[in-house]
C-alpha atoms as a PDB file:
ATOM      1  CA  UNK A   1     -19.886   0.304  18.049  1.00  0.00           C
ATOM      2  CA  UNK A   2     -17.341  -0.319  15.571  1.00  0.00           C
ATOM      3  CA  UNK A   3     -15.820   2.366  13.600  1.00  0.00           C
ATOM      4  CA  UNK A   4     -13.556   3.053  10.730  1.00  0.00           C
ATOM      5  CA  UNK A   5     -10.399   5.273  10.747  1.00  0.00           C
ATOM      6  CA  UNK A   6      -9.232   6.751   7.552  1.00  0.00           C
ATOM      7  CA  UNK A   7      -6.035   7.402   7.773  1.00  0.00           C
ATOM      8  CA  UNK A   8      -2.577   8.840   6.375  1.00  0.00           C
ATOM      9  CA  UNK A   9       1.509   8.548   7.251  1.00  0.00           C
ATOM     10  CA  UNK A  10       4.560   8.831   6.131  1.00  0.00           C
ATOM     11  CA  UNK A  11       6.111   5.381   6.495  1.00  0.00           C
ATOM     12  CA  UNK A  12       9.915   6.692   6.684  1.00  0.00           C
ATOM     13  CA  UNK A  13      10.109   6.202  10.526  1.00  0.00           C
ATOM     14  CA  UNK A  14       8.347   3.400  10.774  1.00  0.00           C
ATOM     15  CA  UNK A  15       8.733  -0.538  10.538  1.00  0.00           C
ATOM     16  CA  UNK A  16       5.445  -0.939   8.551  1.00  0.00           C
ATOM     17  CA  UNK A  17       2.049  -1.047   9.620  1.00  0.00           C
ATOM     18  CA  UNK A  18       2.099  -4.443  11.600  1.00  0.00           C
ATOM     19  CA  UNK A  19       3.118  -4.609  15.331  1.00  0.00           C
ATOM     20  CA  UNK A  20       7.126  -5.352  15.684  1.00  0.00           C
ATOM     21  CA  UNK A  21       8.186  -6.744  19.031  1.00  0.00           C
ATOM     22  CA  UNK A  22      11.514  -4.695  18.337  1.00  0.00           C
ATOM     23  CA  UNK A  23      10.785  -2.208  16.464  1.00  0.00           C
ATOM     24  CA  UNK A  24       7.954   0.626  15.852  1.00  0.00           C
ATOM     25  CA  UNK A  25       5.033   0.547  13.896  1.00  0.00           C
ATOM     26  CA  UNK A  26       2.099   2.433  12.794  1.00  0.00           C
ATOM     27  CA  UNK A  27      -0.576  -0.038  14.305  1.00  0.00           C
ATOM     28  CA  UNK A  28       1.669   0.417  17.695  1.00  0.00           C
ATOM     29  CA  UNK A  29       1.178   4.177  17.565  1.00  0.00           C
ATOM     30  CA  UNK A  30      -2.564   4.452  16.964  1.00  0.00           C
ATOM     31  CA  UNK A  31      -3.300   1.744  19.685  1.00  0.00           C
ATOM     32  CA  UNK A  32      -0.954   3.408  22.027  1.00  0.00           C
ATOM     33  CA  UNK A  33      -2.841   6.649  21.237  1.00  0.00           C
ATOM     34  CA  UNK A  34      -6.576   5.318  21.071  1.00  0.00           C
ATOM     35  CA  UNK A  35      -5.475   4.084  24.546  1.00  0.00           C
ATOM     36  CA  UNK A  36      -4.855   7.108  25.733  1.00  0.00           C
ATOM     37  CA  UNK A  37      -7.870   9.106  24.451  1.00  0.00           C
ATOM     38  CA  UNK A  38     -10.447   6.510  25.132  1.00  0.00           C
ATOM     39  CA  UNK A  39      -8.255   5.093  28.630  1.00  0.00           C
ATOM     40  CA  UNK A  40      -9.129   1.568  27.392  1.00  0.00           C
ATOM     41  CA  UNK A  41      -6.758  -0.933  26.374  1.00  0.00           C
ATOM     42  CA  UNK A  42      -7.977  -0.252  22.083  1.00  0.00           C
ATOM     43  CA  UNK A  43      -6.572  -2.742  19.527  1.00  0.00           C
ATOM     44  CA  UNK A  44      -7.470  -1.713  15.806  1.00  0.00           C
ATOM     45  CA  UNK A  45      -7.003  -4.106  12.648  1.00  0.00           C
ATOM     46  CA  UNK A  46      -5.798  -2.417   9.190  1.00  0.00           C
ATOM     47  CA  UNK A  47      -6.883  -3.034   5.261  1.00  0.00           C
ATOM     48  CA  UNK A  48      -3.363  -4.328   4.933  1.00  0.00           C
ATOM     49  CA  UNK A  49       0.107  -4.486   6.090  1.00  0.00           C
ATOM     50  CA  UNK A  50       2.546  -1.922   4.502  1.00  0.00           C
ATOM     51  CA  UNK A  51       6.194  -2.755   4.522  1.00  0.00           C
ATOM     52  CA  UNK A  52       8.693  -0.969   6.450  1.00  0.00           C
ATOM     53  CA  UNK A  53       9.114   2.715   4.738  1.00  0.00           C
ATOM     54  CA  UNK A  54       6.284   2.334   2.768  1.00  0.00           C
ATOM     55  CA  UNK A  55       3.847   5.585   2.272  1.00  0.00           C
ATOM     56  CA  UNK A  56      -0.055   5.634   3.137  1.00  0.00           C
ATOM     57  CA  UNK A  57      -1.669   8.665   1.378  1.00  0.00           C
ATOM     58  CA  UNK A  58      -5.571   6.269   2.267  1.00  0.00           C
ATOM     59  CA  UNK A  59      -5.954   3.255   4.251  1.00  0.00           C
ATOM     60  CA  UNK A  60      -8.321   2.224   6.491  1.00  0.00           C
ATOM     61  CA  UNK A  61      -8.522   0.342  10.319  1.00  0.00           C
ATOM     62  CA  UNK A  62     -10.990  -0.307  12.282  1.00  0.00           C
ATOM     63  CA  UNK A  63     -11.913  -0.550  16.530  1.00  0.00           C
ATOM     64  CA  UNK A  64     -14.417  -1.114  18.801  1.00  0.00           C
ATOM     65  CA  UNK A  65     -15.512   0.950  21.720  1.00  0.00           C
ATOM     66  CA  UNK A  66     -18.524   0.479  24.095  1.00  0.00           C
ATOM     67  CA  UNK A  67     -20.312   4.024  23.340  1.00  0.00           C
ATOM     68  CA  UNK A  68     -21.108   6.581  20.832  1.00  0.00           C
ATOM     69  CA  UNK A  69     -18.673   9.572  19.749  1.00  0.00           C
ATOM     70  CA  UNK A  70     -18.833  12.627  18.137  1.00  0.00           C
ATOM     71  CA  UNK A  71     -16.591  11.786  15.022  1.00  0.00           C
ATOM     72  CA  UNK A  72     -15.265  14.895  14.601  1.00  0.00           C
ATOM     73  CA  UNK A  73     -14.435  16.184  18.090  1.00  0.00           C
ATOM     74  CA  UNK A  74     -12.753  12.384  18.757  1.00  0.00           C
ATOM     75  CA  UNK A  75     -10.895  12.855  15.276  1.00  0.00           C
ATOM     76  CA  UNK A  76      -9.420  16.246  16.386  1.00  0.00           C
ATOM     77  CA  UNK A  77      -8.116  15.181  19.742  1.00  0.00           C
ATOM     78  CA  UNK A  78      -6.716  11.781  18.230  1.00  0.00           C
ATOM     79  CA  UNK A  79      -4.639  14.167  15.655  1.00  0.00           C
ATOM     80  CA  UNK A  80      -3.575  16.552  18.759  1.00  0.00           C
ATOM     81  CA  UNK A  81      -1.647  13.455  20.152  1.00  0.00           C
ATOM     82  CA  UNK A  82      -0.444  12.002  17.410  1.00  0.00           C
ATOM     83  CA  UNK A  83       2.820  12.639  15.472  1.00  0.00           C
ATOM     84  CA  UNK A  84       3.075  14.726  12.829  1.00  0.00           C
ATOM     85  CA  UNK A  85       3.597  11.728  10.503  1.00  0.00           C
ATOM     86  CA  UNK A  86       0.176  10.234  11.077  1.00  0.00           C
ATOM     87  CA  UNK A  87      -3.185  11.776  10.466  1.00  0.00           C
ATOM     88  CA  UNK A  88      -6.889  11.011  10.855  1.00  0.00           C
ATOM     89  CA  UNK A  89      -8.773  12.277   7.740  1.00  0.00           C
ATOM     90  CA  UNK A  90     -11.936  10.591   9.088  1.00  0.00           C
ATOM     91  CA  UNK A  91     -13.858   8.759  11.306  1.00  0.00           C
ATOM     92  CA  UNK A  92     -16.954   6.494  10.294  1.00  0.00           C
ATOM     93  CA  UNK A  93     -19.464   4.326  11.704  1.00  0.00           C
ATOM     94  CA  UNK A  94     -20.120   0.733  10.365  1.00  0.00           C
ATOM     95  CA  UNK A  95     -21.884  -2.120  11.195  1.00  0.00           C
ATOM     96  CA  UNK A  96     -20.522  -4.282  14.124  1.00  0.00           C
ATOM     97  CA  UNK A  97     -19.431  -7.089  11.909  1.00  0.00           C
ATOM     98  CA  UNK A  98     -17.437  -4.528   8.970  1.00  0.00           C
ATOM     99  CA  UNK A  99     -14.169  -5.370   8.940  1.00  0.00           C
ATOM    100  CA  UNK A 100     -11.247  -2.963   7.529  1.00  0.00           C
ATOM    101  CA  UNK A 101      -9.012  -5.823   6.019  1.00  0.00           C
ATOM    102  CA  UNK A 102     -11.907  -8.710   4.565  1.00  0.00           C
ATOM    103  CA  UNK A 103     -14.466  -6.334   3.307  1.00  0.00           C
ATOM    104  CA  UNK A 104     -11.954  -4.718   1.394  1.00  0.00           C
ATOM    105  CA  UNK A 105     -12.991  -4.802  -2.620  1.00  0.00           C
ATOM    106  CA  UNK A 106     -10.320  -3.253  -4.140  1.00  0.00           C
ATOM    107  CA  UNK A 107      -6.963  -1.560  -3.273  1.00  0.00           C
ATOM    108  CA  UNK A 108      -4.589   0.833  -5.017  1.00  0.00           C
ATOM    109  CA  UNK A 109      -0.842   1.777  -5.017  1.00  0.00           C
ATOM    110  CA  UNK A 110       1.095   4.376  -6.417  1.00  0.00           C
ATOM    111  CA  UNK A 111       5.094   3.960  -7.340  1.00  0.00           C
ATOM    112  CA  UNK A 112       6.975   7.071  -7.795  1.00  0.00           C
ATOM    113  CA  UNK A 113      10.153   7.006 -10.054  1.00  0.00           C
ATOM    114  CA  UNK A 114      12.501  10.075  -9.841  1.00  0.00           C
ATOM    115  CA  UNK A 115      14.780  10.514 -12.909  1.00  0.00           C
ATOM    116  CA  UNK A 116      16.508  13.434 -11.924  1.00  0.00           C
ATOM    117  CA  UNK A 117      17.882  14.442  -8.279  1.00  0.00           C
ATOM    118  CA  UNK A 118      14.891  16.190  -6.288  1.00  0.00           C
ATOM    119  CA  UNK A 119      15.873  16.864  -2.526  1.00  0.00           C
ATOM    120  CA  UNK A 120      12.089  17.975  -1.520  1.00  0.00           C
ATOM    121  CA  UNK A 121      11.144  14.325  -2.901  1.00  0.00           C
ATOM    122  CA  UNK A 122      14.169  12.073  -2.024  1.00  0.00           C
ATOM    123  CA  UNK A 123      12.732  10.224   1.022  1.00  0.00           C
ATOM    124  CA  UNK A 124       9.544   9.756  -1.144  1.00  0.00           C
ATOM    125  CA  UNK A 125      10.164   8.582  -4.819  1.00  0.00           C
ATOM    126  CA  UNK A 126      13.338   6.267  -5.820  1.00  0.00           C
ATOM    127  CA  UNK A 127      15.691   8.108  -7.323  1.00  0.00           C
ATOM    128  CA  UNK A 128      16.867   5.393 -10.373  1.00  0.00           C
ATOM    129  CA  UNK A 129      19.469   7.505 -11.759  1.00  0.00           C
ATOM    130  CA  UNK A 130      19.060   5.827 -15.418  1.00  0.00           C
ATOM    131  CA  UNK A 131      16.532   6.779 -17.982  1.00  0.00           C
ATOM    132  CA  UNK A 132      13.431   4.197 -19.295  1.00  0.00           C
ATOM    133  CA  UNK A 133      11.077   3.971 -21.787  1.00  0.00           C
ATOM    134  CA  UNK A 134       7.873   4.475 -20.651  1.00  0.00           C
ATOM    135  CA  UNK A 135       6.279   3.186 -23.695  1.00  0.00           C
ATOM    136  CA  UNK A 136       7.522  -0.367 -23.092  1.00  0.00           C
ATOM    137  CA  UNK A 137       6.426   0.061 -19.938  1.00  0.00           C
ATOM    138  CA  UNK A 138       3.526   0.665 -20.299  1.00  0.00           C
ATOM    139  CA  UNK A 139       3.066  -2.075 -22.697  1.00  0.00           C
ATOM    140  CA  UNK A 140       4.563  -4.851 -20.463  1.00  0.00           C
ATOM    141  CA  UNK A 141       2.342  -3.608 -17.594  1.00  0.00           C
ATOM    142  CA  UNK A 142      -1.071  -4.129 -19.961  1.00  0.00           C
ATOM    143  CA  UNK A 143      -0.255  -7.784 -19.580  1.00  0.00           C
ATOM    144  CA  UNK A 144      -0.754  -8.347 -16.071  1.00  0.00           C
ATOM    145  CA  UNK A 145      -4.455  -7.758 -16.989  1.00  0.00           C
ATOM    146  CA  UNK A 146      -4.141 -11.112 -18.358  1.00  0.00           C
ATOM    147  CA  UNK A 147      -3.259 -13.141 -15.603  1.00  0.00           C
ATOM    148  CA  UNK A 148      -4.126 -13.631 -11.934  1.00  0.00           C
ATOM    149  CA  UNK A 149      -1.487 -15.587 -10.695  1.00  0.00           C
ATOM    150  CA  UNK A 150       1.158 -13.279  -9.499  1.00  0.00           C
ATOM    151  CA  UNK A 151       3.641 -15.972  -7.746  1.00  0.00           C
ATOM    152  CA  UNK A 152       6.473 -14.610  -9.549  1.00  0.00           C
ATOM    153  CA  UNK A 153       6.230 -11.082  -7.614  1.00  0.00           C
ATOM    154  CA  UNK A 154       5.607 -12.804  -3.945  1.00  0.00           C
ATOM    155  CA  UNK A 155       7.965 -12.406  -1.870  1.00  0.00           C
ATOM    156  CA  UNK A 156       9.605 -15.875  -0.975  1.00  0.00           C
ATOM    157  CA  UNK A 157       8.441 -18.213   2.350  1.00  0.00           C
ATOM    158  CA  UNK A 158       4.925 -16.082   2.419  1.00  0.00           C
ATOM    159  CA  UNK A 159       2.133 -18.066   3.875  1.00  0.00           C
ATOM    160  CA  UNK A 160      -0.344 -17.446   1.705  1.00  0.00           C
ATOM    161  CA  UNK A 161      -3.789 -19.658   0.115  1.00  0.00           C
ATOM    162  CA  UNK A 162      -3.727 -18.489  -2.733  1.00  0.00           C
ATOM    163  CA  UNK A 163      -1.371 -16.130  -5.247  1.00  0.00           C
ATOM    164  CA  UNK A 164      -4.185 -15.149  -7.472  1.00  0.00           C
ATOM    165  CA  UNK A 165      -5.109 -11.663  -7.708  1.00  0.00           C
ATOM    166  CA  UNK A 166      -7.651  -9.807  -9.653  1.00  0.00           C
ATOM    167  CA  UNK A 167      -5.601  -6.265 -11.459  1.00  0.00           C
ATOM    168  CA  UNK A 168      -8.413  -3.683 -12.088  1.00  0.00           C
ATOM    169  CA  UNK A 169      -5.432  -1.465 -14.034  1.00  0.00           C
ATOM    170  CA  UNK A 170      -1.789  -0.860 -14.479  1.00  0.00           C
ATOM    171  CA  UNK A 171      -0.077   1.585 -16.055  1.00  0.00           C
ATOM    172  CA  UNK A 172       2.547   4.628 -15.981  1.00  0.00           C
ATOM    173  CA  UNK A 173       2.030   8.588 -15.866  1.00  0.00           C
ATOM    174  CA  UNK A 174       4.478  11.408 -15.950  1.00  0.00           C
ATOM    175  CA  UNK A 175       3.809  13.993 -13.515  1.00  0.00           C
ATOM    176  CA  UNK A 176       5.864  17.147 -12.627  1.00  0.00           C
ATOM    177  CA  UNK A 177       9.147  15.274 -14.142  1.00  0.00           C
ATOM    178  CA  UNK A 178       8.644  11.758 -12.638  1.00  0.00           C
ATOM    179  CA  UNK A 179       6.876   8.586 -13.290  1.00  0.00           C
ATOM    180  CA  UNK A 180       4.370   7.217 -11.587  1.00  0.00           C
ATOM    181  CA  UNK A 181       3.283   3.951 -11.595  1.00  0.00           C
ATOM    182  CA  UNK A 182      -0.888   3.138 -10.740  1.00  0.00           C
ATOM    183  CA  UNK A 183      -2.024  -0.379  -9.891  1.00  0.00           C
ATOM    184  CA  UNK A 184      -5.612  -1.376  -8.756  1.00  0.00           C
ATOM    185  CA  UNK A 185      -6.819  -5.185  -7.706  1.00  0.00           C
ATOM    186  CA  UNK A 186      -8.858  -6.796  -5.204  1.00  0.00           C
ATOM    187  CA  UNK A 187      -5.657  -7.622  -2.905  1.00  0.00           C
ATOM    188  CA  UNK A 188      -1.338  -7.736  -3.631  1.00  0.00           C
ATOM    189  CA  UNK A 189       0.516 -10.399  -2.306  1.00  0.00           C
ATOM    190  CA  UNK A 190       3.776  -9.442   0.381  1.00  0.00           C
ATOM    191  CA  UNK A 191       6.389  -7.060  -2.304  1.00  0.00           C
ATOM    192  CA  UNK A 192       4.003  -7.977  -4.769  1.00  0.00           C
ATOM    193  CA  UNK A 193       4.281  -4.075  -6.417  1.00  0.00           C
ATOM    194  CA  UNK A 194       7.737  -3.458  -5.607  1.00  0.00           C
ATOM    195  CA  UNK A 195       8.571  -6.350  -7.446  1.00  0.00           C
ATOM    196  CA  UNK A 196       6.176  -5.865 -10.419  1.00  0.00           C
ATOM    197  CA  UNK A 197       7.818  -2.182 -10.735  1.00  0.00           C
ATOM    198  CA  UNK A 198      11.390  -3.720 -10.749  1.00  0.00           C
ATOM    199  CA  UNK A 199      10.670  -6.202 -13.457  1.00  0.00           C
ATOM    200  CA  UNK A 200       9.010  -3.128 -15.720  1.00  0.00           C
ATOM    201  CA  UNK A 201      11.900  -0.872 -14.673  1.00  0.00           C
ATOM    202  CA  UNK A 202      14.287  -3.691 -16.394  1.00  0.00           C
ATOM    203  CA  UNK A 203      11.740  -3.618 -19.461  1.00  0.00           C
ATOM    204  CA  UNK A 204      12.068  -0.507 -19.424  1.00  0.00           C
ATOM    205  CA  UNK A 205      16.036  -0.364 -19.334  1.00  0.00           C
ATOM    206  CA  UNK A 206      16.284  -2.813 -22.392  1.00  0.00           C
ATOM    207  CA  UNK A 207      17.634  -5.493 -19.826  1.00  0.00           C
ATOM    208  CA  UNK A 208      14.540  -7.686 -20.707  1.00  0.00           C
ATOM    209  CA  UNK A 209      11.551  -7.650 -23.770  1.00  0.00           C
ATOM    210  CA  UNK A 210       8.413  -6.739 -23.170  1.00  0.00           C
ATOM    211  CA  UNK A 211       7.186 -10.259 -24.076  1.00  0.00           C
ATOM    212  CA  UNK A 212       9.328 -11.459 -20.958  1.00  0.00           C
ATOM    213  CA  UNK A 213       6.616 -10.246 -18.521  1.00  0.00           C
ATOM    214  CA  UNK A 214       4.350 -13.035 -20.060  1.00  0.00           C
ATOM    215  CA  UNK A 215       7.035 -15.706 -19.558  1.00  0.00           C
ATOM    216  CA  UNK A 216       7.968 -14.530 -16.110  1.00  0.00           C
ATOM    217  CA  UNK A 217       3.924 -14.838 -14.851  1.00  0.00           C
ATOM    218  CA  UNK A 218       4.112 -18.397 -16.517  1.00  0.00           C
ATOM    219  CA  UNK A 219       7.304 -19.645 -14.598  1.00  0.00           C
ATOM    220  CA  UNK A 220       5.538 -18.498 -11.108  1.00  0.00           C
ATOM    221  CA  UNK A 221       9.138 -18.264 -10.013  1.00  0.00           C
ATOM    222  CA  UNK A 222      10.598 -15.201  -7.904  1.00  0.00           C
ATOM    223  CA  UNK A 223      14.032 -15.108  -9.058  1.00  0.00           C
ATOM    224  CA  UNK A 224      12.937 -15.076 -12.870  1.00  0.00           C
ATOM    225  CA  UNK A 225      10.995 -11.232 -12.354  1.00  0.00           C
ATOM    226  CA  UNK A 226      13.165  -8.232 -11.708  1.00  0.00           C
ATOM    227  CA  UNK A 227      14.871  -6.814  -8.585  1.00  0.00           C
ATOM    228  CA  UNK A 228      12.472  -5.235  -5.737  1.00  0.00           C
ATOM    229  CA  UNK A 229      12.557  -1.264  -5.613  1.00  0.00           C
ATOM    230  CA  UNK A 230      12.962   0.356  -2.675  1.00  0.00           C
ATOM    231  CA  UNK A 231      10.165   1.140  -0.232  1.00  0.00           C
ATOM    232  CA  UNK A 232      10.231   4.772  -0.181  1.00  0.00           C
ATOM    233  CA  UNK A 233       8.761   5.617  -3.329  1.00  0.00           C
ATOM    234  CA  UNK A 234       5.642   3.233  -2.719  1.00  0.00           C
ATOM    235  CA  UNK A 235       2.362   4.451  -1.482  1.00  0.00           C
ATOM    236  CA  UNK A 236      -0.924   2.968  -0.866  1.00  0.00           C
ATOM    237  CA  UNK A 237      -3.793   5.439  -2.259  1.00  0.00           C
ATOM    238  CA  UNK A 238      -6.723   3.619  -1.651  1.00  0.00           C
ATOM    239  CA  UNK A 239      -9.133   1.227  -0.165  1.00  0.00           C
ATOM    240  CA  UNK A 240     -12.695   0.812  -1.282  1.00  0.00           C
ATOM    241  CA  UNK A 241     -15.393  -1.265   0.551  1.00  0.00           C
ATOM    242  CA  UNK A 242     -19.683  -1.627  -0.370  1.00  0.00           C
ATOM    243  CA  UNK A 243     -21.891   0.721   0.779  1.00  0.00           C
ATOM    244  CA  UNK A 244     -23.824  -1.488   2.701  1.00  0.00           C
ATOM    245  CA  UNK A 245     -21.315  -1.847   5.918  1.00  0.00           C
ATOM    246  CA  UNK A 246     -21.529   1.896   6.572  1.00  0.00           C
ATOM    247  CA  UNK A 247     -24.481   3.401   8.864  1.00  0.00           C
END
């Protein structure tokens, strides 16, 4: 049987999702606890590879076992042995060829930006300390939807077959005194969201013009884009799959 784990985690204490040889990762902790619970070495495959310090309000991973499980009871037992910064929200049986990464059809992220100091959010958002023009940033964000090649926002020396991403939506909102950037696409490149946000902030500060977004994207050059914002403000918030993969 193959199951999807629907998870949340606070990424502050982890060196990203993927296993690392000399640092603790979310994947490592989950595999160790699953293996303990199932009394068998168990590997998991995640929907994506969040970087060190990045959070996930919703992420999916799949694992295989030889027997059926009581999904509610299993979730309770797994949560009881996981650390407090990782939580299993749901477990769903899926078809044996369903894949947490390759079957995902849409992924969504948020980036949280503080313009005023807030001790309760300081580890979970980027405190900018400068004012920005949200209208200019939203005007520039709309231009992302006119393009598909986002090499300019990709981390250098990334081994990918294509830099094409289909962005479905992108824009800023103000909630509870801080700015939140929302973006959804079929896929994202390494560091892409953080580079987009850094570029939009520079546009909001007046360091770049709104029209510079078009020039940057067409350049396909990472050095033309803005800086990469810190990891603590970034959240993976949703991963969607076609209905037919679920049992």
